[in-house]
Amino acid sequence: MVDEHFGHCEYFTVFGIKDGAIASEKRVDSPNGCGCKSDIASALAKDGVTLMLAGNMGEGAVRVLKANGIDAVRGASGQARAVVESWLAGNVADSGVGCVEHGGHDCSHQ
């Protein structure tokens, strides 16, 4: 399931896309701490990730992902594979809404 917040994810599912369809799937464990303060963006970028479909995240996390060549699409929910398939079909767009305060700290001002 897509976590409601990027920084709370226990792990990320990385889908490889080929010819407009899911070609592979693997799990990448999340480091401890907030997503925007961890090295997950660089780790995912090294793994070839260029797009993050997420429930929600602060602007700091969006900036960290972007700095690593990863575009963020917020507002996704449901089973991860189904969300990716919906995105491939053109049915998922960025909500444009980010969180400001979460988990006792603010990642929006990184």
PDB file of N, CA and C in Angstrom:
ATOM      1  N   MET A   1       0.841  -1.187   0.000  1.00  0.00           N
ATOM      2  CA  MET A   1       0.000   0.000   0.000  1.00  0.00           C
ATOM      3  C   MET A   1       0.883   1.246   0.000  1.00  0.00           C
ATOM      4  N   VAL A   2       0.440   2.264  -0.709  1.00  0.00           N
ATOM      5  CA  VAL A   2       1.148   3.536  -0.706  1.00  0.00           C
ATOM      6  C   VAL A   2       0.933   4.172   0.665  1.00  0.00           C
ATOM      7  N   ASP A   3       2.036   4.519   1.323  1.00  0.00           N
ATOM      8  CA  ASP A   3       1.947   5.159   2.628  1.00  0.00           C
ATOM      9  C   ASP A   3       1.394   6.567   2.447  1.00  0.00           C
ATOM     10  N   GLU A   4       0.668   7.036   3.446  1.00  0.00           N
ATOM     11  CA  GLU A   4       0.107   8.385   3.370  1.00  0.00           C
ATOM     12  C   GLU A   4       1.181   9.455   3.413  1.00  0.00           C
ATOM     13  N   HIS A   5       2.387   9.109   3.888  1.00  0.00           N
ATOM     14  CA  HIS A   5       3.447  10.104   3.965  1.00  0.00           C
ATOM     15  C   HIS A   5       4.799   9.493   3.637  1.00  0.00           C
ATOM     16  N   PHE A   6       5.492  10.109   2.728  1.00  0.00           N
ATOM     17  CA  PHE A   6       6.810   9.695   2.262  1.00  0.00           C
ATOM     18  C   PHE A   6       7.773   9.391   3.412  1.00  0.00           C
ATOM     19  N   GLY A   7       7.830  10.234   4.401  1.00  0.00           N
ATOM     20  CA  GLY A   7       8.774  10.077   5.507  1.00  0.00           C
ATOM     21  C   GLY A   7       8.453   8.961   6.471  1.00  0.00           C
ATOM     22  N   HIS A   8       7.286   8.342   6.339  1.00  0.00           N
ATOM     23  CA  HIS A   8       6.887   7.269   7.242  1.00  0.00           C
ATOM     24  C   HIS A   8       7.000   5.893   6.603  1.00  0.00           C
ATOM     25  N   CYS A   9       7.426   5.829   5.359  1.00  0.00           N
ATOM     26  CA  CYS A   9       7.487   4.556   4.637  1.00  0.00           C
ATOM     27  C   CYS A   9       8.480   3.591   5.274  1.00  0.00           C
ATOM     28  N   GLU A  10       8.062   2.350   5.454  1.00  0.00           N
ATOM     29  CA  GLU A  10       8.963   1.312   5.948  1.00  0.00           C
ATOM     30  C   GLU A  10       9.875   0.845   4.822  1.00  0.00           C
ATOM     31  N   TYR A  11       9.363   0.884   3.604  1.00  0.00           N
ATOM     32  CA  TYR A  11      10.137   0.495   2.425  1.00  0.00           C
ATOM     33  C   TYR A  11       9.503   1.116   1.189  1.00  0.00           C
ATOM     34  N   PHE A  12      10.255   1.101   0.109  1.00  0.00           N
ATOM     35  CA  PHE A  12       9.782   1.600  -1.173  1.00  0.00           C
ATOM     36  C   PHE A  12       9.734   0.431  -2.138  1.00  0.00           C
ATOM     37  N   THR A  13       8.756   0.425  -3.012  1.00  0.00           N
ATOM     38  CA  THR A  13       8.692  -0.568  -4.061  1.00  0.00           C
ATOM     39  C   THR A  13       9.107   0.119  -5.348  1.00  0.00           C
ATOM     40  N   VAL A  14      10.156  -0.398  -5.963  1.00  0.00           N
ATOM     41  CA  VAL A  14      10.680   0.173  -7.199  1.00  0.00           C
ATOM     42  C   VAL A  14      10.196  -0.697  -8.352  1.00  0.00           C
ATOM     43  N   PHE A  15       9.474  -0.059  -9.261  1.00  0.00           N
ATOM     44  CA  PHE A  15       8.963  -0.749 -10.435  1.00  0.00           C
ATOM     45  C   PHE A  15       9.784  -0.355 -11.651  1.00  0.00           C
ATOM     46  N   GLY A  16      10.239  -1.332 -12.401  1.00  0.00           N
ATOM     47  CA  GLY A  16      10.901  -1.073 -13.675  1.00  0.00           C
ATOM     48  C   GLY A  16       9.838  -1.054 -14.761  1.00  0.00           C
ATOM     49  N   ILE A  17       9.905  -0.069 -15.633  1.00  0.00           N
ATOM     50  CA  ILE A  17       8.907   0.077 -16.697  1.00  0.00           C
ATOM     51  C   ILE A  17       9.576  -0.170 -18.037  1.00  0.00           C
ATOM     52  N   LYS A  18       8.956  -0.980 -18.864  1.00  0.00           N
ATOM     53  CA  LYS A  18       9.454  -1.245 -20.216  1.00  0.00           C
ATOM     54  C   LYS A  18       8.265  -1.308 -21.166  1.00  0.00           C
ATOM     55  N   ASP A  19       8.365  -0.575 -22.249  1.00  0.00           N
ATOM     56  CA  ASP A  19       7.304  -0.545 -23.258  1.00  0.00           C
ATOM     57  C   ASP A  19       5.941  -0.205 -22.654  1.00  0.00           C
ATOM     58  N   GLY A  20       5.947   0.731 -21.688  1.00  0.00           N
ATOM     59  CA  GLY A  20       4.710   1.211 -21.101  1.00  0.00           C
ATOM     60  C   GLY A  20       4.031   0.268 -20.129  1.00  0.00           C
ATOM     61  N   ALA A  21       4.763  -0.744 -19.658  1.00  0.00           N
ATOM     62  CA  ALA A  21       4.181  -1.700 -18.718  1.00  0.00           C
ATOM     63  C   ALA A  21       5.196  -2.031 -17.627  1.00  0.00           C
ATOM     64  N   ILE A  22       4.712  -2.545 -16.511  1.00  0.00           N
ATOM     65  CA  ILE A  22       5.588  -2.956 -15.415  1.00  0.00           C
ATOM     66  C   ILE A  22       6.368  -4.180 -15.862  1.00  0.00           C
ATOM     67  N   ALA A  23       7.700  -4.074 -15.794  1.00  0.00           N
ATOM     68  CA  ALA A  23       8.567  -5.170 -16.213  1.00  0.00           C
ATOM     69  C   ALA A  23       9.262  -5.837 -15.029  1.00  0.00           C
ATOM     70  N   SER A  24       9.398  -5.100 -13.910  1.00  0.00           N
ATOM     71  CA  SER A  24      10.052  -5.661 -12.735  1.00  0.00           C
ATOM     72  C   SER A  24       9.562  -4.932 -11.488  1.00  0.00           C
ATOM     73  N   GLU A  25       9.813  -5.551 -10.355  1.00  0.00           N
ATOM     74  CA  GLU A  25       9.402  -4.979  -9.071  1.00  0.00           C
ATOM     75  C   GLU A  25      10.387  -5.447  -8.007  1.00  0.00           C
ATOM     76  N   LYS A  26      10.847  -4.507  -7.163  1.00  0.00           N
ATOM     77  CA  LYS A  26      11.713  -4.899  -6.050  1.00  0.00           C
ATOM     78  C   LYS A  26      11.499  -3.975  -4.870  1.00  0.00           C
ATOM     79  N   ARG A  27      11.839  -4.477  -3.715  1.00  0.00           N
ATOM     80  CA  ARG A  27      11.698  -3.726  -2.456  1.00  0.00           C
ATOM     81  C   ARG A  27      13.026  -3.073  -2.100  1.00  0.00           C
ATOM     82  N   VAL A  28      12.953  -1.801  -1.670  1.00  0.00           N
ATOM     83  CA  VAL A  28      14.119  -1.070  -1.175  1.00  0.00           C
ATOM     84  C   VAL A  28      13.750  -0.596   0.225  1.00  0.00           C
ATOM     85  N   ASP A  29      14.458  -1.101   1.230  1.00  0.00           N
ATOM     86  CA  ASP A  29      14.158  -0.721   2.610  1.00  0.00           C
ATOM     87  C   ASP A  29      14.465   0.751   2.834  1.00  0.00           C
ATOM     88  N   SER A  30      13.622   1.371   3.659  1.00  0.00           N
ATOM     89  CA  SER A  30      13.763   2.780   3.988  1.00  0.00           C
ATOM     90  C   SER A  30      14.726   2.944   5.151  1.00  0.00           C
ATOM     91  N   PRO A  31      15.614   3.946   5.069  1.00  0.00           N
ATOM     92  CA  PRO A  31      16.482   4.214   6.219  1.00  0.00           C
ATOM     93  C   PRO A  31      15.664   4.810   7.358  1.00  0.00           C
ATOM     94  N   ASN A  32      16.218   4.800   8.528  1.00  0.00           N
ATOM     95  CA  ASN A  32      15.541   5.402   9.678  1.00  0.00           C
ATOM     96  C   ASN A  32      15.450   6.908   9.493  1.00  0.00           C
ATOM     97  N   GLY A  33      14.418   7.494  10.040  1.00  0.00           N
ATOM     98  CA  GLY A  33      14.282   8.942  10.015  1.00  0.00           C
ATOM     99  C   GLY A  33      13.367   9.416   8.900  1.00  0.00           C
ATOM    100  N   CYS A  34      13.187  10.696   8.876  1.00  0.00           N
ATOM    101  CA  CYS A  34      12.326  11.347   7.893  1.00  0.00           C
ATOM    102  C   CYS A  34      12.889  11.173   6.499  1.00  0.00           C
ATOM    103  N   GLY A  35      12.027  10.954   5.532  1.00  0.00           N
ATOM    104  CA  GLY A  35      12.453  10.774   4.156  1.00  0.00           C
ATOM    105  C   GLY A  35      13.297  11.910   3.635  1.00  0.00           C
ATOM    106  N   CYS A  36      12.954  13.141   3.999  1.00  0.00           N
ATOM    107  CA  CYS A  36      13.705  14.295   3.480  1.00  0.00           C
ATOM    108  C   CYS A  36      15.042  14.476   4.166  1.00  0.00           C
ATOM    109  N   LYS A  37      15.255  13.794   5.282  1.00  0.00           N
ATOM    110  CA  LYS A  37      16.526  13.918   5.998  1.00  0.00           C
ATOM    111  C   LYS A  37      17.396  12.672   5.841  1.00  0.00           C
ATOM    112  N   SER A  38      16.905  11.673   5.145  1.00  0.00           N
ATOM    113  CA  SER A  38      17.656  10.446   4.941  1.00  0.00           C
ATOM    114  C   SER A  38      18.367  10.510   3.588  1.00  0.00           C
ATOM    115  N   ASP A  39      19.085   9.448   3.259  1.00  0.00           N
ATOM    116  CA  ASP A  39      19.752   9.393   1.960  1.00  0.00           C
ATOM    117  C   ASP A  39      18.955   8.568   0.952  1.00  0.00           C
ATOM    118  N   ILE A  40      17.666   8.367   1.217  1.00  0.00           N
ATOM    119  CA  ILE A  40      16.859   7.523   0.338  1.00  0.00           C
ATOM    120  C   ILE A  40      16.775   8.087  -1.080  1.00  0.00           C
ATOM    121  N   ALA A  41      16.732   9.395  -1.233  1.00  0.00           N
ATOM    122  CA  ALA A  41      16.632   9.971  -2.577  1.00  0.00           C
ATOM    123  C   ALA A  41      17.852   9.616  -3.418  1.00  0.00           C
ATOM    124  N   SER A  42      19.043   9.745  -2.852  1.00  0.00           N
ATOM    125  CA  SER A  42      20.243   9.405  -3.616  1.00  0.00           C
ATOM    126  C   SER A  42      20.322   7.905  -3.867  1.00  0.00           C
ATOM    127  N   ALA A  43      19.910   7.095  -2.887  1.00  0.00           N
ATOM    128  CA  ALA A  43      19.916   5.642  -3.072  1.00  0.00           C
ATOM    129  C   ALA A  43      18.958   5.230  -4.186  1.00  0.00           C
ATOM    130  N   LEU A  44      17.761   5.822  -4.198  1.00  0.00           N
ATOM    131  CA  LEU A  44      16.802   5.500  -5.252  1.00  0.00           C
ATOM    132  C   LEU A  44      17.290   5.989  -6.610  1.00  0.00           C
ATOM    133  N   ALA A  45      17.898   7.173  -6.637  1.00  0.00           N
ATOM    134  CA  ALA A  45      18.427   7.700  -7.903  1.00  0.00           C
ATOM    135  C   ALA A  45      19.515   6.782  -8.461  1.00  0.00           C
ATOM    136  N   LYS A  46      20.383   6.270  -7.594  1.00  0.00           N
ATOM    137  CA  LYS A  46      21.431   5.336  -8.026  1.00  0.00           C
ATOM    138  C   LYS A  46      20.827   4.060  -8.585  1.00  0.00           C
ATOM    139  N   ASP A  47      19.616   3.751  -8.124  1.00  0.00           N
ATOM    140  CA  ASP A  47      18.914   2.552  -8.586  1.00  0.00           C
ATOM    141  C   ASP A  47      18.137   2.828  -9.881  1.00  0.00           C
ATOM    142  N   GLY A  48      18.230   4.060 -10.395  1.00  0.00           N
ATOM    143  CA  GLY A  48      17.581   4.395 -11.653  1.00  0.00           C
ATOM    144  C   GLY A  48      16.194   4.987 -11.536  1.00  0.00           C
ATOM    145  N   VAL A  49      15.750   5.286 -10.312  1.00  0.00           N
ATOM    146  CA  VAL A  49      14.421   5.848 -10.102  1.00  0.00           C
ATOM    147  C   VAL A  49      14.380   7.291 -10.617  1.00  0.00           C
ATOM    148  N   THR A  50      13.339   7.613 -11.387  1.00  0.00           N
ATOM    149  CA  THR A  50      13.163   8.976 -11.906  1.00  0.00           C
ATOM    150  C   THR A  50      11.813   9.571 -11.526  1.00  0.00           C
ATOM    151  N   LEU A  51      10.939   8.761 -10.920  1.00  0.00           N
ATOM    152  CA  LEU A  51       9.609   9.228 -10.532  1.00  0.00           C
ATOM    153  C   LEU A  51       9.197   8.576  -9.229  1.00  0.00           C
ATOM    154  N   MET A  52       8.675   9.385  -8.291  1.00  0.00           N
ATOM    155  CA  MET A  52       8.164   8.889  -7.012  1.00  0.00           C
ATOM    156  C   MET A  52       6.668   9.141  -6.978  1.00  0.00           C
ATOM    157  N   LEU A  53       5.876   8.083  -6.901  1.00  0.00           N
ATOM    158  CA  LEU A  53       4.437   8.195  -6.702  1.00  0.00           C
ATOM    159  C   LEU A  53       4.221   8.054  -5.203  1.00  0.00           C
ATOM    160  N   ALA A  54       3.730   9.103  -4.557  1.00  0.00           N
ATOM    161  CA  ALA A  54       3.659   9.133  -3.099  1.00  0.00           C
ATOM    162  C   ALA A  54       2.299   9.581  -2.612  1.00  0.00           C
ATOM    163  N   GLY A  55       2.007   9.232  -1.365  1.00  0.00           N
ATOM    164  CA  GLY A  55       0.779   9.709  -0.743  1.00  0.00           C
ATOM    165  C   GLY A  55       0.852  11.205  -0.521  1.00  0.00           C
ATOM    166  N   ASN A  56       1.875  11.621   0.200  1.00  0.00           N
ATOM    167  CA  ASN A  56       2.077  13.040   0.463  1.00  0.00           C
ATOM    168  C   ASN A  56       3.491  13.230   0.973  1.00  0.00           C
ATOM    169  N   MET A  57       3.992  14.435   0.856  1.00  0.00           N
ATOM    170  CA  MET A  57       5.317  14.776   1.357  1.00  0.00           C
ATOM    171  C   MET A  57       5.441  16.283   1.425  1.00  0.00           C
ATOM    172  N   GLY A  58       6.356  16.740   2.259  1.00  0.00           N
ATOM    173  CA  GLY A  58       6.620  18.160   2.376  1.00  0.00           C
ATOM    174  C   GLY A  58       7.437  18.669   1.202  1.00  0.00           C
ATOM    175  N   GLU A  59       7.501  19.981   1.091  1.00  0.00           N
ATOM    176  CA  GLU A  59       8.253  20.598  -0.008  1.00  0.00           C
ATOM    177  C   GLU A  59       9.744  20.303   0.094  1.00  0.00           C
ATOM    178  N   GLY A  60      10.253  20.133   1.315  1.00  0.00           N
ATOM    179  CA  GLY A  60      11.661  19.771   1.485  1.00  0.00           C
ATOM    180  C   GLY A  60      11.965  18.439   0.825  1.00  0.00           C
ATOM    181  N   ALA A  61      11.103  17.469   1.022  1.00  0.00           N
ATOM    182  CA  ALA A  61      11.289  16.160   0.401  1.00  0.00           C
ATOM    183  C   ALA A  61      11.183  16.261  -1.119  1.00  0.00           C
ATOM    184  N   VAL A  62      10.246  17.063  -1.600  1.00  0.00           N
ATOM    185  CA  VAL A  62      10.104  17.258  -3.053  1.00  0.00           C
ATOM    186  C   VAL A  62      11.409  17.828  -3.617  1.00  0.00           C
ATOM    187  N   ARG A  63      11.977  18.817  -2.928  1.00  0.00           N
ATOM    188  CA  ARG A  63      13.232  19.433  -3.383  1.00  0.00           C
ATOM    189  C   ARG A  63      14.389  18.445  -3.357  1.00  0.00           C
ATOM    190  N   VAL A  64      14.482  17.627  -2.294  1.00  0.00           N
ATOM    191  CA  VAL A  64      15.562  16.644  -2.195  1.00  0.00           C
ATOM    192  C   VAL A  64      15.440  15.615  -3.318  1.00  0.00           C
ATOM    193  N   LEU A  65      14.237  15.157  -3.574  1.00  0.00           N
ATOM    194  CA  LEU A  65      14.037  14.211  -4.667  1.00  0.00           C
ATOM    195  C   LEU A  65      14.437  14.849  -5.996  1.00  0.00           C
ATOM    196  N   LYS A  66      13.942  16.061  -6.245  1.00  0.00           N
ATOM    197  CA  LYS A  66      14.227  16.767  -7.498  1.00  0.00           C
ATOM    198  C   LYS A  66      15.732  16.969  -7.678  1.00  0.00           C
ATOM    199  N   ALA A  67      16.436  17.308  -6.601  1.00  0.00           N
ATOM    200  CA  ALA A  67      17.882  17.492  -6.669  1.00  0.00           C
ATOM    201  C   ALA A  67      18.602  16.207  -7.061  1.00  0.00           C
ATOM    202  N   ASN A  68      17.931  15.078  -6.858  1.00  0.00           N
ATOM    203  CA  ASN A  68      18.488  13.781  -7.223  1.00  0.00           C
ATOM    204  C   ASN A  68      17.901  13.245  -8.524  1.00  0.00           C
ATOM    205  N   GLY A  69      17.202  14.119  -9.263  1.00  0.00           N
ATOM    206  CA  GLY A  69      16.663  13.728 -10.566  1.00  0.00           C
ATOM    207  C   GLY A  69      15.379  12.927 -10.507  1.00  0.00           C
ATOM    208  N   ILE A  70      14.659  13.025  -9.380  1.00  0.00           N
ATOM    209  CA  ILE A  70      13.416  12.264  -9.204  1.00  0.00           C
ATOM    210  C   ILE A  70      12.245  13.239  -9.105  1.00  0.00           C
ATOM    211  N   ASP A  71      11.295  13.113 -10.007  1.00  0.00           N
ATOM    212  CA  ASP A  71      10.076  13.915  -9.941  1.00  0.00           C
ATOM    213  C   ASP A  71       9.125  13.275  -8.935  1.00  0.00           C
ATOM    214  N   ALA A  72       8.368  14.093  -8.228  1.00  0.00           N
ATOM    215  CA  ALA A  72       7.415  13.599  -7.232  1.00  0.00           C
ATOM    216  C   ALA A  72       5.987  13.851  -7.686  1.00  0.00           C
ATOM    217  N   VAL A  73       5.159  12.827  -7.543  1.00  0.00           N
ATOM    218  CA  VAL A  73       3.732  12.935  -7.797  1.00  0.00           C
ATOM    219  C   VAL A  73       3.044  12.596  -6.481  1.00  0.00           C
ATOM    220  N   ARG A  74       2.410  13.609  -5.888  1.00  0.00           N
ATOM    221  CA  ARG A  74       1.750  13.436  -4.585  1.00  0.00           C
ATOM    222  C   ARG A  74       0.268  13.167  -4.773  1.00  0.00           C
ATOM    223  N   GLY A  75      -0.328  12.571  -3.757  1.00  0.00           N
ATOM    224  CA  GLY A  75      -1.764  12.323  -3.771  1.00  0.00           C
ATOM    225  C   GLY A  75      -2.137  10.904  -4.153  1.00  0.00           C
ATOM    226  N   ALA A  76      -1.146  10.026  -4.326  1.00  0.00           N
ATOM    227  CA  ALA A  76      -1.428   8.632  -4.682  1.00  0.00           C
ATOM    228  C   ALA A  76      -1.922   7.878  -3.453  1.00  0.00           C
ATOM    229  N   SER A  77      -2.801   6.914  -3.668  1.00  0.00           N
ATOM    230  CA  SER A  77      -3.262   6.068  -2.575  1.00  0.00           C
ATOM    231  C   SER A  77      -3.689   4.716  -3.123  1.00  0.00           C
ATOM    232  N   GLY A  78      -3.620   3.719  -2.258  1.00  0.00           N
ATOM    233  CA  GLY A  78      -4.033   2.383  -2.658  1.00  0.00           C
ATOM    234  C   GLY A  78      -2.843   1.446  -2.784  1.00  0.00           C
ATOM    235  N   GLN A  79      -3.069   0.327  -3.423  1.00  0.00           N
ATOM    236  CA  GLN A  79      -2.051  -0.691  -3.618  1.00  0.00           C
ATOM    237  C   GLN A  79      -1.017  -0.178  -4.623  1.00  0.00           C
ATOM    238  N   ALA A  80       0.257  -0.282  -4.291  1.00  0.00           N
ATOM    239  CA  ALA A  80       1.325   0.326  -5.087  1.00  0.00           C
ATOM    240  C   ALA A  80       1.286  -0.094  -6.551  1.00  0.00           C
ATOM    241  N   ARG A  81       1.165  -1.376  -6.825  1.00  0.00           N
ATOM    242  CA  ARG A  81       1.147  -1.851  -8.215  1.00  0.00           C
ATOM    243  C   ARG A  81      -0.026  -1.240  -8.977  1.00  0.00           C
ATOM    244  N   ALA A  82      -1.184  -1.159  -8.342  1.00  0.00           N
ATOM    245  CA  ALA A  82      -2.371  -0.579  -8.989  1.00  0.00           C
ATOM    246  C   ALA A  82      -2.163   0.908  -9.268  1.00  0.00           C
ATOM    247  N   VAL A  83      -1.481   1.609  -8.351  1.00  0.00           N
ATOM    248  CA  VAL A  83      -1.198   3.035  -8.555  1.00  0.00           C
ATOM    249  C   VAL A  83      -0.278   3.218  -9.756  1.00  0.00           C
ATOM    250  N   VAL A  84       0.749   2.385  -9.861  1.00  0.00           N
ATOM    251  CA  VAL A  84       1.671   2.474 -11.002  1.00  0.00           C
ATOM    252  C   VAL A  84       0.919   2.178 -12.308  1.00  0.00           C
ATOM    253  N   GLU A  85       0.094   1.157 -12.302  1.00  0.00           N
ATOM    254  CA  GLU A  85      -0.677   0.836 -13.504  1.00  0.00           C
ATOM    255  C   GLU A  85      -1.610   1.976 -13.881  1.00  0.00           C
ATOM    256  N   SER A  86      -2.198   2.618 -12.891  1.00  0.00           N
ATOM    257  CA  SER A  86      -3.077   3.764 -13.146  1.00  0.00           C
ATOM    258  C   SER A  86      -2.272   4.934 -13.707  1.00  0.00           C
ATOM    259  N   TRP A  87      -1.058   5.150 -13.177  1.00  0.00           N
ATOM    260  CA  TRP A  87      -0.189   6.212 -13.695  1.00  0.00           C
ATOM    261  C   TRP A  87       0.191   5.925 -15.147  1.00  0.00           C
ATOM    262  N   LEU A  88       0.528   4.683 -15.428  1.00  0.00           N
ATOM    263  CA  LEU A  88       0.874   4.308 -16.801  1.00  0.00           C
ATOM    264  C   LEU A  88      -0.290   4.547 -17.763  1.00  0.00           C
ATOM    265  N   ALA A  89      -1.516   4.421 -17.248  1.00  0.00           N
ATOM    266  CA  ALA A  89      -2.708   4.648 -18.064  1.00  0.00           C
ATOM    267  C   ALA A  89      -3.062   6.138 -18.165  1.00  0.00           C
ATOM    268  N   GLY A  90      -2.281   6.986 -17.484  1.00  0.00           N
ATOM    269  CA  GLY A  90      -2.513   8.426 -17.538  1.00  0.00           C
ATOM    270  C   GLY A  90      -3.552   8.928 -16.560  1.00  0.00           C
ATOM    271  N   ASN A  91      -3.827   8.132 -15.525  1.00  0.00           N
ATOM    272  CA  ASN A  91      -4.887   8.484 -14.583  1.00  0.00           C
ATOM    273  C   ASN A  91      -4.403   9.004 -13.242  1.00  0.00           C
ATOM    274  N   VAL A  92      -3.108   9.301 -13.102  1.00  0.00           N
ATOM    275  CA  VAL A  92      -2.570   9.813 -11.844  1.00  0.00           C
ATOM    276  C   VAL A  92      -1.808  11.103 -12.140  1.00  0.00           C
ATOM    277  N   ALA A  93      -2.143  12.158 -11.405  1.00  0.00           N
ATOM    278  CA  ALA A  93      -1.453  13.443 -11.538  1.00  0.00           C
ATOM    279  C   ALA A  93      -1.111  13.960 -10.153  1.00  0.00           C
ATOM    280  N   ASP A  94      -0.123  14.827 -10.081  1.00  0.00           N
ATOM    281  CA  ASP A  94       0.287  15.406  -8.809  1.00  0.00           C
ATOM    282  C   ASP A  94      -0.853  16.233  -8.215  1.00  0.00           C
ATOM    283  N   SER A  95      -1.113  16.014  -6.933  1.00  0.00           N
ATOM    284  CA  SER A  95      -2.169  16.758  -6.257  1.00  0.00           C
ATOM    285  C   SER A  95      -1.772  18.210  -6.050  1.00  0.00           C
ATOM    286  N   GLY A  96      -0.463  18.483  -6.062  1.00  0.00           N
ATOM    287  CA  GLY A  96       0.024  19.834  -5.814  1.00  0.00           C
ATOM    288  C   GLY A  96      -0.048  20.235  -4.355  1.00  0.00           C
ATOM    289  N   VAL A  97      -0.467  19.315  -3.501  1.00  0.00           N
ATOM    290  CA  VAL A  97      -0.622  19.595  -2.082  1.00  0.00           C
ATOM    291  C   VAL A  97       0.483  18.887  -1.317  1.00  0.00           C
ATOM    292  N   GLY A  98       1.211  19.650  -0.523  1.00  0.00           N
ATOM    293  CA  GLY A  98       2.254  19.073   0.311  1.00  0.00           C
ATOM    294  C   GLY A  98       1.956  19.323   1.763  1.00  0.00           C
ATOM    295  N   CYS A  99       2.535  18.508   2.621  1.00  0.00           N
ATOM    296  CA  CYS A  99       2.351  18.734   4.046  1.00  0.00           C
ATOM    297  C   CYS A  99       3.421  19.693   4.536  1.00  0.00           C
ATOM    298  N   VAL A 100       3.131  20.366   5.620  1.00  0.00           N
ATOM    299  CA  VAL A 100       4.073  21.326   6.179  1.00  0.00           C
ATOM    300  C   VAL A 100       4.682  20.785   7.459  1.00  0.00           C
ATOM    301  N   GLU A 101       3.876  20.266   8.326  1.00  0.00           N
ATOM    302  CA  GLU A 101       4.354  19.808   9.637  1.00  0.00           C
ATOM    303  C   GLU A 101       4.018  18.333   9.788  1.00  0.00           C
ATOM    304  N   HIS A 102       5.005  17.550  10.188  1.00  0.00           N
ATOM    305  CA  HIS A 102       4.740  16.129  10.429  1.00  0.00           C
ATOM    306  C   HIS A 102       5.781  15.555  11.364  1.00  0.00           C
ATOM    307  N   GLY A 103       5.371  14.591  12.126  1.00  0.00           N
ATOM    308  CA  GLY A 103       6.296  13.878  12.988  1.00  0.00           C
ATOM    309  C   GLY A 103       7.078  14.740  13.951  1.00  0.00           C
ATOM    310  N   GLY A 104       6.566  15.913  14.306  1.00  0.00           N
ATOM    311  CA  GLY A 104       7.247  16.742  15.272  1.00  0.00           C
ATOM    312  C   GLY A 104       8.324  17.643  14.693  1.00  0.00           C
ATOM    313  N   HIS A 105       8.484  17.636  13.385  1.00  0.00           N
ATOM    314  CA  HIS A 105       9.446  18.540  12.763  1.00  0.00           C
ATOM    315  C   HIS A 105       8.934  18.967  11.396  1.00  0.00           C
ATOM    316  N   ASP A 106       9.547  19.951  10.841  1.00  0.00           N
ATOM    317  CA  ASP A 106       9.086  20.521   9.565  1.00  0.00           C
ATOM    318  C   ASP A 106      10.137  20.312   8.504  1.00  0.00           C
ATOM    319  N   CYS A 107       9.858  19.439   7.550  1.00  0.00           N
ATOM    320  CA  CYS A 107      10.784  19.176   6.448  1.00  0.00           C
ATOM    321  C   CYS A 107      10.543  20.128   5.292  1.00  0.00           C
ATOM    322  N   SER A 108       9.567  20.977   5.398  1.00  0.00           N
ATOM    323  CA  SER A 108       9.247  21.854   4.266  1.00  0.00           C
ATOM    324  C   SER A 108      10.244  22.991   4.115  1.00  0.00           C
ATOM    325  N   HIS A 109      11.101  23.204   5.116  1.00  0.00           N
ATOM    326  CA  HIS A 109      12.048  24.316   5.054  1.00  0.00           C
ATOM    327  C   HIS A 109      13.478  23.822   5.074  1.00  0.00           C
ATOM    328  N   GLN A 110      13.768  22.749   4.373  1.00  0.00           N
ATOM    329  CA  GLN A 110      15.115  22.178   4.297  1.00  0.00           C
ATOM    330  C   GLN A 110      15.997  23.025   3.415  1.00  0.00           C
TER     331      GLN A 110
END
